[in-house]
Protein backbone atom coordinates (compact mmCIF):
# COMPACT_ATOMS: atom_id res chain seq x y z
CA UNK A 1 0.17 0.09 -0.02
CA UNK A 2 2.11 3.08 -1.26
CA UNK A 3 1.68 6.07 1.15
CA UNK A 4 -0.57 9.70 0.27
CA UNK A 5 1.88 12.36 -1.28
CA UNK A 6 2.22 14.76 1.55
CA UNK A 7 -0.05 17.76 0.61
CA UNK A 8 2.30 21.08 -0.21
CA UNK A 9 3.02 24.08 2.09
CA UNK A 10 0.46 26.57 2.00
CA UNK A 11 2.21 29.94 2.46
CA UNK A 12 -0.15 32.88 4.00
CA UNK A 13 -1.42 35.41 1.85
CA UNK A 14 0.85 39.12 3.24
CA UNK A 15 -3.43 40.97 2.65
CA UNK A 16 -5.33 38.33 3.63
CA UNK A 17 -2.96 38.33 7.11
CA UNK A 18 -2.63 42.19 6.78
CA UNK A 19 -6.80 41.97 6.30
CA UNK A 20 -7.16 40.17 9.94
CA UNK A 21 -4.46 42.17 11.89
CA UNK A 22 -6.50 45.07 10.33
CA UNK A 23 -9.56 43.66 12.22
CA UNK A 24 -8.44 42.08 15.57
CA UNK A 25 -6.33 45.27 16.62
CA UNK A 26 -6.54 43.49 19.92
CA UNK A 27 -3.98 40.40 18.59
CA UNK A 28 -1.09 41.62 20.19
CA UNK A 29 -2.18 42.06 23.49
CA UNK A 30 -0.38 39.82 26.07
CA UNK A 31 1.86 38.75 23.12
CA UNK A 32 4.44 41.71 23.33
CA UNK A 33 6.93 39.92 22.94
CA UNK A 34 5.96 39.26 19.01
CA UNK A 35 6.44 43.09 18.70
CA UNK A 36 10.32 42.59 19.07
CA UNK A 37 10.84 40.38 16.90
CA UNK A 38 8.71 41.76 13.95
CA UNK A 39 11.93 43.35 11.58
CA UNK A 40 10.58 45.93 8.95
CA UNK A 41 12.06 47.90 6.74
CA UNK A 42 14.32 51.17 8.26
CA UNK A 43 12.88 54.46 6.63
CA UNK A 44 16.65 55.93 6.54
CA UNK A 45 19.21 53.55 5.68
CA UNK A 46 19.72 50.15 4.54
CA UNK A 47 18.89 46.75 6.62
CA UNK A 48 15.67 46.18 8.99
CA UNK A 49 14.54 47.58 12.24
CA UNK A 50 12.12 46.23 14.96
CA UNK A 51 8.38 47.03 14.74
CA UNK A 52 8.37 49.66 17.83
CA UNK A 53 11.37 51.35 16.68
CA UNK A 54 9.83 51.75 13.23
CA UNK A 55 7.18 53.51 15.85
CA UNK A 56 9.07 55.26 17.56
CA UNK A 57 10.32 56.72 14.54
CA UNK A 58 6.84 57.01 12.40
CA UNK A 59 5.26 59.09 15.70
CA UNK A 60 9.11 61.04 15.59
CA UNK A 61 8.60 61.68 12.15
CA UNK A 62 4.87 62.71 12.05
CA UNK A 63 5.67 64.78 15.51
CA UNK A 64 8.50 67.10 13.62
CA UNK A 65 5.56 67.58 10.81
CA UNK A 66 2.34 68.77 13.06
CA UNK A 67 5.26 71.08 14.48
CA UNK A 68 5.75 72.52 10.86
CA UNK A 69 2.31 72.98 10.61
CA UNK A 70 1.54 74.88 13.57
CA UNK A 71 4.45 76.87 13.12
CA UNK A 72 2.96 77.56 9.29
CA UNK A 73 0.04 78.44 10.95
CA UNK A 74 1.44 81.07 13.27
CA UNK A 75 3.67 82.19 11.03
CA UNK A 76 0.50 83.46 8.95
CA UNK A 77 -1.10 84.53 11.75
CA UNK A 78 1.41 86.63 12.74
CA UNK A 79 2.34 88.19 9.58
CA UNK A 80 -1.78 88.86 8.96
CA UNK A 81 -1.43 90.30 12.34
CA UNK A 82 1.43 93.08 11.20
CA UNK A 83 -0.21 93.59 7.88
CA UNK A 84 -3.23 94.42 9.80
CA UNK A 85 -2.01 96.29 12.39
CA UNK A 86 -0.08 98.37 9.08
CA UNK A 87 -2.98 99.08 7.10
CA UNK A 88 -5.26 99.99 9.91
CA UNK A 89 -2.57 103.20 10.73
CA UNK A 90 -1.88 103.65 7.30
CA UNK A 91 -6.55 104.12 6.63
CA UNK A 92 -6.15 106.60 10.20
CA UNK A 93 -3.30 108.33 9.10
CA UNK A 94 -5.44 109.46 5.82
CA UNK A 95 -8.72 109.94 8.15
CA UNK A 96 -6.76 112.88 9.57
CA UNK A 97 -5.38 114.48 6.70
CA UNK A 98 -7.27 117.90 6.66
CA UNK A 99 -7.10 118.78 2.94
CA UNK A 100 -6.22 116.38 -0.34
CA UNK A 101 -2.48 117.46 -0.58
CA UNK A 102 -1.88 116.13 3.39
CA UNK A 103 -3.81 113.71 2.03
CA UNK A 104 -1.62 112.13 -0.32
CA UNK A 105 1.74 112.99 1.41
CA UNK A 106 0.30 110.62 4.15
CA UNK A 107 -0.29 108.26 1.74
CA UNK A 108 3.37 108.37 -0.01
CA UNK A 109 4.80 108.54 3.92
CA UNK A 110 2.21 105.34 5.12
CA UNK A 111 3.41 103.42 2.11
CA UNK A 112 7.22 104.66 2.33
CA UNK A 113 7.53 103.33 5.96
CA UNK A 114 5.58 100.40 6.41
CA UNK A 115 4.69 98.70 2.53
CA UNK A 116 8.33 98.88 1.45
CA UNK A 117 7.43 101.36 -1.17
CA UNK A 118 8.97 104.43 -2.35
CA UNK A 119 7.27 106.04 -5.21
CA UNK A 120 3.67 106.90 -5.32
CA UNK A 121 1.94 109.20 -7.49
CA UNK A 122 -2.31 110.34 -7.21
CA UNK A 123 -3.10 111.57 -10.50
CA UNK A 124 -6.68 112.84 -10.46
CA UNK A 125 -8.23 115.04 -13.65
CA UNK A 126 -8.57 118.57 -13.32
CA UNK A 127 -12.41 118.72 -12.15
CA UNK A 128 -10.29 117.94 -9.42
CA UNK A 129 -8.29 120.70 -8.88
CA UNK A 130 -9.23 123.25 -10.86
CA UNK A 131 -11.13 125.01 -7.24
CA UNK A 132 -8.25 124.49 -5.19
CA UNK A 133 -6.05 127.58 -3.94
CA UNK A 134 -3.57 126.47 -4.69
CA UNK A 135 -1.38 124.01 -7.61
CA UNK A 136 -1.37 120.36 -6.56
CA UNK A 137 1.76 119.15 -4.93
CA UNK A 138 3.34 115.69 -5.35
CA UNK A 139 2.48 112.30 -5.45
CA UNK A 140 -0.66 114.48 -6.22
CA UNK A 141 -0.60 114.54 -10.62
CA UNK A 142 -3.17 116.15 -12.54
CA UNK A 143 -3.93 114.22 -14.97
CA UNK A 144 -3.91 114.89 -18.67
CA UNK A 145 -4.48 113.39 -21.88
CA UNK A 146 -0.94 111.88 -22.12
CA UNK A 147 -0.60 110.46 -18.91
CA UNK A 148 -4.16 109.10 -18.53
CA UNK A 149 -3.99 107.64 -22.04
CA UNK A 150 -0.23 105.74 -20.85
CA UNK A 151 -2.15 104.44 -17.77
CA UNK A 152 -5.16 102.35 -19.31
CA UNK A 153 -2.51 101.16 -21.43
CA UNK A 154 -0.50 99.97 -18.92
CA UNK A 155 -3.86 98.41 -17.03
CA UNK A 156 -5.11 97.22 -20.19
CA UNK A 157 -8.53 96.91 -19.81
CA UNK A 158 -8.51 96.02 -15.98
CA UNK A 159 -9.36 97.92 -13.21
CA UNK A 160 -6.26 97.47 -11.51
CA UNK A 161 -2.93 96.03 -11.64
CA UNK A 162 0.64 94.63 -11.25
CA UNK A 163 3.76 95.42 -14.43
CA UNK A 164 7.01 96.45 -15.13
CA UNK A 165 7.84 99.63 -14.96
CA UNK A 166 10.05 100.93 -17.22
CA UNK A 167 12.50 103.96 -16.91
CA UNK A 168 10.06 105.99 -19.86
CA UNK A 169 7.22 105.17 -18.03
CA UNK A 170 8.65 106.20 -14.46
CA UNK A 171 9.23 109.45 -15.38
CA UNK A 172 6.27 110.07 -16.74
CA UNK A 173 3.84 108.48 -14.19
CA UNK A 174 6.09 109.63 -11.19
CA UNK A 175 7.75 112.79 -12.19
CA UNK A 176 8.16 114.01 -8.58
CA UNK A 177 10.55 111.00 -7.96
CA UNK A 178 13.94 110.02 -9.86
CA UNK A 179 13.32 107.59 -11.99
CA UNK A 180 15.77 104.11 -11.74
CA UNK A 181 18.59 103.32 -14.35
CA UNK A 182 17.05 99.78 -15.27
CA UNK A 183 12.78 98.77 -14.91
CA UNK A 184 10.90 98.48 -12.02
CA UNK A 185 7.28 97.39 -10.80
CA UNK A 186 4.09 98.91 -10.38
CA UNK A 187 0.52 98.24 -8.85
CA UNK A 188 -2.10 100.83 -10.35
CA UNK A 189 -5.81 101.16 -9.71
CA UNK A 190 -8.14 103.03 -10.99
CA UNK A 191 -9.96 105.90 -8.63
CA UNK A 192 -13.62 105.45 -9.06
CA UNK A 193 -16.66 106.63 -6.73
CA UNK A 194 -19.68 106.65 -9.44
CA UNK A 195 -17.28 108.56 -11.40
CA UNK A 196 -13.89 108.43 -12.97
CA UNK A 197 -11.35 110.49 -10.22
CA UNK A 198 -7.68 109.33 -11.53
CA UNK A 199 -5.37 106.47 -10.99
CA UNK A 200 -2.99 106.02 -7.78
CA UNK A 201 0.76 104.09 -8.64
CA UNK A 202 2.77 102.53 -6.32
CA UNK A 203 6.82 101.76 -7.39
CA UNK A 204 9.22 100.23 -6.68
CA UNK A 205 12.75 99.88 -8.52
CA UNK A 206 12.89 96.78 -7.86
CA UNK A 207 10.99 94.86 -10.30
CA UNK A 208 9.85 91.92 -8.44
CA UNK A 209 8.62 93.86 -5.73
CA UNK A 210 4.41 94.12 -7.68
CA UNK A 211 4.96 90.70 -9.85
CA UNK A 212 2.59 90.97 -12.39
CA UNK A 213 0.70 87.22 -10.57
CA UNK A 214 0.69 89.58 -6.99
CA UNK A 215 -3.00 90.03 -5.57
CA UNK A 216 -4.13 93.65 -6.37
CA UNK A 217 -6.81 93.18 -3.61
CA UNK A 218 -4.20 95.59 -1.31
CA UNK A 219 -3.94 98.05 -4.23
CA UNK A 220 -7.98 98.22 -4.62
CA UNK A 221 -8.67 98.55 -1.36
CA UNK A 222 -6.64 101.81 -0.61
CA UNK A 223 -7.63 103.49 -3.68
CA UNK A 224 -11.02 102.95 -2.35
CA UNK A 225 -10.70 104.65 0.10
CA UNK A 226 -8.69 107.56 -1.56
CA UNK A 227 -10.97 107.83 -3.81
CA UNK A 228 -14.26 108.74 -0.47
CA UNK A 229 -12.00 110.43 1.10
CA UNK A 230 -10.59 112.84 -2.40
CA UNK A 231 -14.36 113.65 -2.03
CA UNK A 232 -15.22 114.68 1.23
CA UNK A 233 -11.62 116.93 1.25
CA UNK A 234 -13.14 119.31 -1.75
CA UNK A 235 -12.60 123.16 -1.42
CA UNK A 236 -16.22 123.35 -0.38
CA UNK A 237 -15.15 120.79 2.52
CA UNK A 238 -12.44 122.95 4.29
């Protein structure tokens, strides 16, 4: 009588083992010694390490990542708070201006000291300056056809925009500020309050200070505040 051939040794399916362990998370309770015997690949070096060491490493990595994300959130909060304080000081300084010239000068001072913007121009139509007792003082400028055409061309149909500013455009649009030898950058926004009131130009000799990809929300906000104050500070309100 011949012996029956032995059955081939079965190999456990790793996926089924993983599935079983996932549904039996208490399997290692009372079998802690197994945890020390299990070996897993080391994440940073060749060879293997114990499961407990790997778990400690993974937990440490997660803690470091969480700490980094928290620091990023705190840094963003600090930046937003500082931006709010600077913007608040700017608006308060503008609101305290007794006339339009003082408004323009307060705007230029605040932007230079708190927003690293060394050059500002406030172009307004003659209708806002003809009834004033003296010519407007820098950074205020009387909007003429040539300046208006160039500003409209730089805006390219938009309400506000960040773009490069050539030395030629700098001399034309910021005549009260010395032009750099090379192209700088600027942020331009239209001033409107039911009617066109001109343009606000913020400029820097740094070509990357006002990049084309930048958001113009701040410039638009400042423009809205300035437009309202320009109308409020007319001679009939003095």
